[in-house]
Amino acid sequence: MRNDAPMSDSFDDLRDLYQEVILEHGRHPRHGKRLEAFDATAKGDNPMCGDRVQVWLRYGPNDTIAEAGFEARGCAISVASADLMAETVPNRSKADARVLFAAFRDMARTGTCPDCGAALADPLERLAPLSSVHEYPSRVKCATLPWHALIAALDSSEKGGEP
């Protein structure tokens, strides 16, 4: 970035980069697959726009999330959010995944996360392309739908539910 570039140019460049990341993950999700072996699963559905997602989780040692996969049908934001979520939650405890969800939800609603500490800096950096959805309130639900399914999967496994 040029030092003499107007501030709006740098914001436009960042917005373009974020849009490119969303489109890439939306078109070519890296984790968009049903896990063959899983410990928990849950579905999410947004009947207002037609987005649907199912999340599968496989746990590792100490109840950490070893792997996450998903199948989704919906807009690029919903699919990209599911893919970035599945990329971000492995190797995290269930409690850490819940904290990350709360921080992401705040970021999706407001565009920032002032209460997020250093522990969340790296995962939120990966999720930053979705921060611009706050400018479009109807799209916040698209971005958070996979995360709600993640929490439902965590809840079902903690209650001894059927995977």
C-alpha atoms as a PDB file:
ATOM      1  CA  MET A   1       0.000   0.000   0.000  1.00  0.00           C
ATOM      2  CA  ARG A   2       1.335   3.458  -0.883  1.00  0.00           C
ATOM      3  CA  ASN A   3       1.889   5.861   2.001  1.00  0.00           C
ATOM      4  CA  ASP A   4       0.405   8.729  -0.012  1.00  0.00           C
ATOM      5  CA  ALA A   5      -2.711   6.758  -0.992  1.00  0.00           C
ATOM      6  CA  PRO A   6      -5.956   8.218   0.310  1.00  0.00           C
ATOM      7  CA  MET A   7      -7.400   6.335   3.264  1.00  0.00           C
ATOM      8  CA  SER A   8     -10.505   5.369   1.264  1.00  0.00           C
ATOM      9  CA  ASP A   9      -8.316   3.589  -1.309  1.00  0.00           C
ATOM     10  CA  SER A  10      -6.843   1.330   1.378  1.00  0.00           C
ATOM     11  CA  PHE A  11     -10.326   0.554   2.731  1.00  0.00           C
ATOM     12  CA  ASP A  12     -11.549  -0.209  -0.790  1.00  0.00           C
ATOM     13  CA  ASP A  13      -8.556  -2.497  -1.329  1.00  0.00           C
ATOM     14  CA  LEU A  14      -9.267  -4.311   1.929  1.00  0.00           C
ATOM     15  CA  ARG A  15     -12.953  -4.633   1.066  1.00  0.00           C
ATOM     16  CA  ASP A  16     -12.019  -6.059  -2.363  1.00  0.00           C
ATOM     17  CA  LEU A  17      -9.638  -8.557  -0.735  1.00  0.00           C
ATOM     18  CA  TYR A  18     -12.309  -9.602   1.778  1.00  0.00           C
ATOM     19  CA  GLN A  19     -14.880 -10.003  -0.979  1.00  0.00           C
ATOM     20  CA  GLU A  20     -12.410 -12.154  -2.926  1.00  0.00           C
ATOM     21  CA  VAL A  21     -11.793 -14.392   0.125  1.00  0.00           C
ATOM     22  CA  ILE A  22     -15.546 -14.814   0.674  1.00  0.00           C
ATOM     23  CA  LEU A  23     -16.147 -15.691  -2.969  1.00  0.00           C
ATOM     24  CA  GLU A  24     -13.229 -18.157  -3.047  1.00  0.00           C
ATOM     25  CA  HIS A  25     -14.379 -19.999   0.093  1.00  0.00           C
ATOM     26  CA  GLY A  26     -17.989 -19.807  -1.088  1.00  0.00           C
ATOM     27  CA  ARG A  27     -17.215 -21.349  -4.481  1.00  0.00           C
ATOM     28  CA  HIS A  28     -14.493 -23.788  -3.440  1.00  0.00           C
ATOM     29  CA  PRO A  29     -14.899 -24.731   0.217  1.00  0.00           C
ATOM     30  CA  ARG A  30     -11.955 -26.728   1.525  1.00  0.00           C
ATOM     31  CA  HIS A  31     -13.867 -28.403   4.356  1.00  0.00           C
ATOM     32  CA  GLY A  32     -17.201 -28.899   2.628  1.00  0.00           C
ATOM     33  CA  LYS A  33     -17.610 -32.598   3.273  1.00  0.00           C
ATOM     34  CA  ARG A  34     -19.429 -34.942   5.550  1.00  0.00           C
ATOM     35  CA  LEU A  35     -17.034 -36.573   7.990  1.00  0.00           C
ATOM     36  CA  GLU A  36     -16.976 -40.356   7.692  1.00  0.00           C
ATOM     37  CA  ALA A  37     -16.458 -40.753  11.438  1.00  0.00           C
ATOM     38  CA  PHE A  38     -17.974 -38.107  13.695  1.00  0.00           C
ATOM     39  CA  ASP A  39     -19.028 -37.576  17.280  1.00  0.00           C
ATOM     40  CA  ALA A  40     -21.617 -34.842  16.834  1.00  0.00           C
ATOM     41  CA  THR A  41     -23.708 -33.258  14.119  1.00  0.00           C
ATOM     42  CA  ALA A  42     -26.384 -30.603  13.824  1.00  0.00           C
ATOM     43  CA  LYS A  43     -28.299 -28.789  11.123  1.00  0.00           C
ATOM     44  CA  GLY A  44     -29.043 -25.136  10.642  1.00  0.00           C
ATOM     45  CA  ASP A  45     -31.741 -23.692   8.436  1.00  0.00           C
ATOM     46  CA  ASN A  46     -32.660 -20.117   7.567  1.00  0.00           C
ATOM     47  CA  PRO A  47     -36.078 -20.357   5.921  1.00  0.00           C
ATOM     48  CA  MET A  48     -36.071 -16.622   5.142  1.00  0.00           C
ATOM     49  CA  CYS A  49     -33.293 -16.953   2.564  1.00  0.00           C
ATOM     50  CA  GLY A  50     -33.027 -20.705   2.009  1.00  0.00           C
ATOM     51  CA  ASP A  51     -29.550 -21.208   3.513  1.00  0.00           C
ATOM     52  CA  ARG A  52     -29.050 -24.678   4.977  1.00  0.00           C
ATOM     53  CA  VAL A  53     -26.036 -26.229   6.638  1.00  0.00           C
ATOM     54  CA  GLN A  54     -25.140 -29.405   8.452  1.00  0.00           C
ATOM     55  CA  VAL A  55     -22.010 -29.514  10.581  1.00  0.00           C
ATOM     56  CA  TRP A  56     -20.120 -32.647  11.658  1.00  0.00           C
ATOM     57  CA  LEU A  57     -17.530 -32.739  14.439  1.00  0.00           C
ATOM     58  CA  ARG A  58     -14.961 -35.334  15.372  1.00  0.00           C
ATOM     59  CA  TYR A  59     -13.363 -34.992  18.785  1.00  0.00           C
ATOM     60  CA  GLY A  60      -9.774 -35.670  19.682  1.00  0.00           C
ATOM     61  CA  PRO A  61      -7.936 -35.970  22.971  1.00  0.00           C
ATOM     62  CA  ASN A  62      -9.267 -34.012  25.938  1.00  0.00           C
ATOM     63  CA  ASP A  63     -12.524 -33.302  24.102  1.00  0.00           C
ATOM     64  CA  THR A  64     -10.886 -30.925  21.668  1.00  0.00           C
ATOM     65  CA  ILE A  65     -12.354 -30.591  18.198  1.00  0.00           C
ATOM     66  CA  ALA A  66     -10.116 -32.676  15.959  1.00  0.00           C
ATOM     67  CA  GLU A  67     -11.966 -32.040  12.715  1.00  0.00           C
ATOM     68  CA  ALA A  68     -15.002 -30.213  11.428  1.00  0.00           C
ATOM     69  CA  GLY A  69     -16.819 -30.709   8.170  1.00  0.00           C
ATOM     70  CA  PHE A  70     -20.009 -29.376   6.675  1.00  0.00           C
ATOM     71  CA  GLU A  71     -22.417 -29.535   3.797  1.00  0.00           C
ATOM     72  CA  ALA A  72     -24.136 -26.294   2.898  1.00  0.00           C
ATOM     73  CA  ARG A  73     -26.548 -24.919   0.388  1.00  0.00           C
ATOM     74  CA  GLY A  74     -26.870 -21.194   0.306  1.00  0.00           C
ATOM     75  CA  CYS A  75     -25.232 -17.919  -0.495  1.00  0.00           C
ATOM     76  CA  ALA A  76     -21.483 -17.358  -0.725  1.00  0.00           C
ATOM     77  CA  ILE A  77     -21.446 -15.729   2.727  1.00  0.00           C
ATOM     78  CA  SER A  78     -23.058 -18.731   4.402  1.00  0.00           C
ATOM     79  CA  VAL A  79     -20.817 -21.277   2.669  1.00  0.00           C
ATOM     80  CA  ALA A  80     -17.675 -19.179   3.212  1.00  0.00           C
ATOM     81  CA  SER A  81     -18.537 -18.750   6.892  1.00  0.00           C
ATOM     82  CA  ALA A  82     -18.992 -22.518   7.275  1.00  0.00           C
ATOM     83  CA  ASP A  83     -15.683 -23.169   5.543  1.00  0.00           C
ATOM     84  CA  LEU A  84     -13.760 -20.601   7.583  1.00  0.00           C
ATOM     85  CA  MET A  85     -15.394 -21.947  10.757  1.00  0.00           C
ATOM     86  CA  ALA A  86     -14.369 -25.530   9.884  1.00  0.00           C
ATOM     87  CA  GLU A  87     -10.845 -24.238   9.265  1.00  0.00           C
ATOM     88  CA  THR A  88     -10.703 -22.311  12.544  1.00  0.00           C
ATOM     89  CA  VAL A  89     -12.186 -24.607  15.214  1.00  0.00           C
ATOM     90  CA  PRO A  90      -9.933 -27.701  15.007  1.00  0.00           C
ATOM     91  CA  ASN A  91      -7.568 -28.112  17.972  1.00  0.00           C
ATOM     92  CA  ARG A  92      -9.824 -25.951  20.140  1.00  0.00           C
ATOM     93  CA  SER A  93     -11.685 -27.085  23.211  1.00  0.00           C
ATOM     94  CA  LYS A  94     -15.461 -26.963  23.221  1.00  0.00           C
ATOM     95  CA  ALA A  95     -15.292 -23.985  25.592  1.00  0.00           C
ATOM     96  CA  ASP A  96     -12.846 -22.170  23.295  1.00  0.00           C
ATOM     97  CA  ALA A  97     -15.130 -22.823  20.306  1.00  0.00           C
ATOM     98  CA  ARG A  98     -18.015 -21.244  22.238  1.00  0.00           C
ATOM     99  CA  VAL A  99     -15.909 -18.175  23.081  1.00  0.00           C
ATOM    100  CA  LEU A 100     -14.842 -17.904  19.440  1.00  0.00           C
ATOM    101  CA  PHE A 101     -18.494 -18.123  18.338  1.00  0.00           C
ATOM    102  CA  ALA A 102     -19.475 -15.274  20.693  1.00  0.00           C
ATOM    103  CA  ALA A 103     -16.604 -13.103  19.428  1.00  0.00           C
ATOM    104  CA  PHE A 104     -17.412 -13.893  15.799  1.00  0.00           C
ATOM    105  CA  ARG A 105     -21.100 -13.129  16.352  1.00  0.00           C
ATOM    106  CA  ASP A 106     -20.159  -9.743  17.827  1.00  0.00           C
ATOM    107  CA  MET A 107     -17.838  -9.062  14.904  1.00  0.00           C
ATOM    108  CA  ALA A 108     -20.534 -10.019  12.375  1.00  0.00           C
ATOM    109  CA  ARG A 109     -23.050  -7.740  14.087  1.00  0.00           C
ATOM    110  CA  THR A 110     -20.786  -4.719  14.629  1.00  0.00           C
ATOM    111  CA  GLY A 111     -17.740  -5.105  12.372  1.00  0.00           C
ATOM    112  CA  THR A 112     -15.419  -5.052  15.388  1.00  0.00           C
ATOM    113  CA  CYS A 113     -14.710  -6.965  18.546  1.00  0.00           C
ATOM    114  CA  PRO A 114     -13.341  -4.532  21.145  1.00  0.00           C
ATOM    115  CA  ASP A 115     -13.538  -7.072  23.970  1.00  0.00           C
ATOM    116  CA  CYS A 116     -11.541  -9.724  22.116  1.00  0.00           C
ATOM    117  CA  GLY A 117      -8.204 -10.452  23.719  1.00  0.00           C
ATOM    118  CA  ALA A 118      -4.950 -11.670  22.251  1.00  0.00           C
ATOM    119  CA  ALA A 119      -6.104 -15.300  22.451  1.00  0.00           C
ATOM    120  CA  LEU A 120      -8.716 -14.549  19.793  1.00  0.00           C
ATOM    121  CA  ALA A 121      -6.553 -12.349  17.569  1.00  0.00           C
ATOM    122  CA  ASP A 122      -5.392 -15.116  15.192  1.00  0.00           C
ATOM    123  CA  PRO A 123      -8.743 -16.869  14.660  1.00  0.00           C
ATOM    124  CA  LEU A 124     -10.582 -13.563  14.269  1.00  0.00           C
ATOM    125  CA  GLU A 125      -7.985 -12.443  11.741  1.00  0.00           C
ATOM    126  CA  ARG A 126      -8.908 -15.510   9.659  1.00  0.00           C
ATOM    127  CA  LEU A 127     -12.602 -14.649  10.031  1.00  0.00           C
ATOM    128  CA  ALA A 128     -12.117 -10.921   9.327  1.00  0.00           C
ATOM    129  CA  PRO A 129     -13.355 -11.141   5.712  1.00  0.00           C
ATOM    130  CA  LEU A 130     -16.821 -11.741   7.167  1.00  0.00           C
ATOM    131  CA  SER A 131     -16.706  -8.638   9.380  1.00  0.00           C
ATOM    132  CA  SER A 132     -18.215  -6.466   6.657  1.00  0.00           C
ATOM    133  CA  VAL A 133     -21.569  -8.294   6.866  1.00  0.00           C
ATOM    134  CA  HIS A 134     -22.517  -5.925   9.687  1.00  0.00           C
ATOM    135  CA  GLU A 135     -23.173  -3.348   6.959  1.00  0.00           C
ATOM    136  CA  TYR A 136     -25.976  -5.613   5.665  1.00  0.00           C
ATOM    137  CA  PRO A 137     -28.065  -6.679   8.682  1.00  0.00           C
ATOM    138  CA  SER A 138     -30.006  -9.316   6.723  1.00  0.00           C
ATOM    139  CA  ARG A 139     -26.684 -11.048   5.882  1.00  0.00           C
ATOM    140  CA  VAL A 140     -25.567 -11.398   9.509  1.00  0.00           C
ATOM    141  CA  LYS A 141     -27.815 -14.462   9.788  1.00  0.00           C
ATOM    142  CA  CYS A 142     -26.130 -15.942   6.709  1.00  0.00           C
ATOM    143  CA  ALA A 143     -22.712 -15.581   8.338  1.00  0.00           C
ATOM    144  CA  THR A 144     -23.746 -16.879  11.759  1.00  0.00           C
ATOM    145  CA  LEU A 145     -25.921 -19.832  10.643  1.00  0.00           C
ATOM    146  CA  PRO A 146     -23.021 -22.356  10.468  1.00  0.00           C
ATOM    147  CA  TRP A 147     -21.830 -21.208  13.882  1.00  0.00           C
ATOM    148  CA  HIS A 148     -25.259 -21.779  15.406  1.00  0.00           C
ATOM    149  CA  ALA A 149     -25.151 -25.304  13.931  1.00  0.00           C
ATOM    150  CA  LEU A 150     -21.693 -25.759  15.490  1.00  0.00           C
ATOM    151  CA  ILE A 151     -23.054 -24.799  18.912  1.00  0.00           C
ATOM    152  CA  ALA A 152     -26.035 -27.123  18.445  1.00  0.00           C
ATOM    153  CA  ALA A 153     -23.625 -29.966  17.612  1.00  0.00           C
ATOM    154  CA  LEU A 154     -21.566 -29.187  20.714  1.00  0.00           C
ATOM    155  CA  ASP A 155     -24.751 -29.094  22.803  1.00  0.00           C
ATOM    156  CA  SER A 156     -25.992 -32.435  21.444  1.00  0.00           C
ATOM    157  CA  SER A 157     -22.723 -34.186  22.208  1.00  0.00           C
ATOM    158  CA  GLU A 158     -22.524 -32.681  25.705  1.00  0.00           C
ATOM    159  CA  LYS A 159     -26.033 -33.916  26.459  1.00  0.00           C
ATOM    160  CA  GLY A 160     -25.284 -37.376  25.130  1.00  0.00           C
ATOM    161  CA  GLY A 161     -27.398 -36.845  22.020  1.00  0.00           C
ATOM    162  CA  GLU A 162     -27.344 -39.084  18.995  1.00  0.00           C
ATOM    163  CA  PRO A 163     -24.701 -38.066  16.456  1.00  0.00           C
END
